[in-house]
Protein backbone atom coordinates (compact mmCIF):
# COMPACT_ATOMS: atom_id res chain seq x y z
CA MET A 1 81.89 69.20 79.23
CA LYS A 2 84.05 66.13 79.64
CA PHE A 3 86.86 65.49 77.15
CA GLN A 4 84.91 62.55 75.69
CA GLU A 5 82.07 64.93 74.69
CA LEU A 6 84.31 67.41 72.86
CA LYS A 7 84.50 65.64 69.49
CA LEU A 8 80.73 65.42 69.17
CA SER A 9 80.34 69.04 70.31
CA LEU A 10 82.81 70.23 67.66
CA LYS A 11 80.83 68.50 64.91
CA SER A 12 77.85 70.74 65.59
CA LYS A 13 79.60 74.01 66.48
CA VAL A 14 83.05 75.45 67.13
CA GLU A 15 82.86 78.03 69.89
CA ASN A 16 84.95 81.22 69.90
CA ILE A 17 86.53 80.53 73.29
CA TYR A 18 87.44 77.35 75.20
CA LEU A 19 88.89 76.73 78.64
CA ILE A 20 90.81 73.47 78.95
CA PHE A 21 91.62 72.29 82.47
CA GLY A 22 92.43 69.10 84.36
CA GLU A 23 95.47 67.08 85.30
CA ASP A 24 95.81 64.88 82.20
CA ILE A 25 98.24 66.65 79.83
CA PHE A 26 97.65 64.01 77.13
CA LEU A 27 93.92 64.80 77.09
CA LYS A 28 94.57 68.56 77.18
CA ASN A 29 96.88 68.33 74.17
CA ASN A 30 94.35 66.13 72.35
CA ALA A 31 91.61 68.66 73.09
CA VAL A 32 93.72 71.42 71.51
CA ASN A 33 94.35 69.19 68.47
CA LEU A 34 90.64 68.40 68.10
CA ILE A 35 89.78 72.10 68.19
CA ASN A 36 92.57 72.88 65.72
CA ASN A 37 91.26 70.23 63.33
CA ALA A 38 87.68 71.50 63.71
CA VAL A 39 88.85 75.00 62.81
CA ASN A 40 90.61 73.44 59.78
CA ASN A 41 93.65 75.40 60.76
CA LEU A 42 96.27 73.22 59.12
CA ASP A 43 98.50 76.11 58.23
CA LYS A 44 100.63 77.73 60.89
CA LEU A 45 100.01 81.20 59.49
CA ASN A 46 96.78 81.56 61.47
CA THR A 47 97.99 79.89 64.67
CA ASN A 48 99.49 81.74 67.60
CA ILE A 49 100.76 80.04 70.73
CA LEU A 50 101.27 82.34 73.68
CA ASP A 51 102.53 81.83 77.21
CA THR A 52 100.87 83.62 80.12
CA GLU A 53 104.26 84.72 81.42
CA ASP A 54 104.98 86.67 78.21
CA CYS A 55 101.48 87.91 77.38
CA ASP A 56 99.50 90.75 78.89
CA GLY A 57 95.77 91.26 78.51
CA LYS A 58 96.01 94.03 75.92
CA LYS A 59 98.35 92.03 73.68
CA LEU A 60 96.04 88.99 73.84
CA VAL A 61 92.88 90.95 73.06
CA ASP A 62 94.58 92.86 70.24
CA LEU A 63 95.70 89.58 68.71
CA CYS A 64 92.21 88.08 69.09
CA ASN A 65 90.65 91.10 67.37
CA THR A 66 93.00 90.96 64.38
CA PHE A 67 91.33 89.28 61.41
CA SER A 68 92.99 86.32 59.76
CA PHE A 69 93.96 85.97 56.11
CA PHE A 70 92.41 82.58 55.38
CA GLY A 71 89.69 81.06 57.50
CA LYS A 72 89.63 81.18 61.27
CA LYS A 73 92.55 82.08 63.46
CA LEU A 74 93.50 79.88 66.41
CA ILE A 75 95.13 81.41 69.47
CA ILE A 76 96.36 79.06 72.17
CA LEU A 77 97.17 80.62 75.53
CA LYS A 78 99.17 78.20 77.66
CA GLU A 79 99.31 78.93 81.35
CA SER A 80 102.80 78.85 82.85
CA ASP A 81 104.03 78.77 86.43
CA GLY A 82 105.53 82.23 86.03
CA LYS A 83 104.02 85.58 86.87
CA LYS A 84 100.93 86.60 84.95
CA SER A 85 99.99 90.10 83.85
CA SER A 86 97.68 91.79 86.34
CA ASP A 87 95.16 92.64 83.60
CA LEU A 88 95.08 89.29 81.79
CA LEU A 89 91.98 87.82 83.41
CA SER A 90 90.01 91.08 83.35
CA LYS A 91 90.82 91.67 79.66
CA ILE A 92 89.71 88.13 78.80
CA LYS A 93 86.43 88.71 80.68
CA GLU A 94 85.89 91.88 78.63
CA TYR A 95 86.72 90.08 75.37
CA ILE A 96 84.25 87.27 76.17
CA LYS A 97 81.39 89.79 75.95
CA ASN A 98 82.12 90.44 72.27
CA PRO A 99 84.52 87.87 70.78
CA ASN A 100 85.83 88.11 67.24
CA SER A 101 83.92 85.61 65.08
CA SER A 102 87.04 84.78 63.05
CA THR A 103 89.10 83.82 66.12
CA VAL A 104 89.06 80.76 68.34
CA LEU A 105 90.80 81.37 71.66
CA VAL A 106 91.87 78.29 73.61
CA ILE A 107 93.06 78.77 77.19
CA GLN A 108 95.01 75.75 78.45
CA CYS A 109 95.35 75.73 82.25
CA LEU A 110 97.97 74.15 84.44
CA ASP A 111 96.55 71.36 86.56
CA SER A 112 97.76 73.00 89.77
CA SER A 113 96.30 76.45 89.11
CA ASP A 114 92.96 78.10 89.79
CA TYR A 115 93.84 81.36 87.99
CA PHE A 116 91.44 80.90 85.05
CA MET A 117 88.75 78.96 86.97
CA PRO A 118 86.49 82.07 87.31
CA LEU A 119 85.91 81.61 83.54
CA LYS A 120 84.77 78.00 83.92
CA ASN A 121 81.05 78.80 84.14
CA ILE A 122 81.19 81.64 81.60
CA ILE A 123 82.77 79.95 78.56
CA PRO A 124 82.74 76.41 77.15
CA SER A 125 85.04 74.41 79.41
CA ILE A 126 86.63 71.04 78.76
CA ASP A 127 87.39 68.86 81.76
CA CYS A 128 90.53 66.83 81.08
CA SER A 129 90.65 65.03 84.40
CA ARG A 130 92.05 61.53 84.39
CA LEU A 131 89.80 59.00 82.70
CA SER A 132 88.52 55.96 84.53
CA THR A 133 90.24 52.64 83.91
CA GLU A 134 87.08 51.43 82.19
CA LEU A 135 87.08 54.34 79.72
CA ILE A 136 90.78 53.99 79.03
CA SER A 137 90.42 50.30 78.23
CA LYS A 138 87.50 51.04 75.86
CA TRP A 139 89.55 53.74 74.16
CA ILE A 140 92.59 51.50 73.69
CA LEU A 141 90.64 48.47 72.51
């Protein structure tokens, strides 16, 4: 889905996993904020922000499968330029088959990377490519 469709989509249902990609960092950050607000995750107790350089697949899946104290848990996995664990993508693919209903996993890709793109057609994906001038002017005005 395009970034513009995300807000409406979140009103009807919050998915357990999202892939955010595209070159516009402003839109990617806004997409994460919209998902966070939809989860009603205003406290930081149930929010985890991880970096792909410091996170292996087992650690991520273990964290996703841990139940939260209050409401849903939000896990944001931000892709970095650094080395990624060899099992990260395969563990995410396994987790997708049976996600924890109390967890929302958001994978935020770098604009220059194709590492997580095999997930694009498997999980809800948000395209944060640059908006047209026409859309930007409508948004501002």
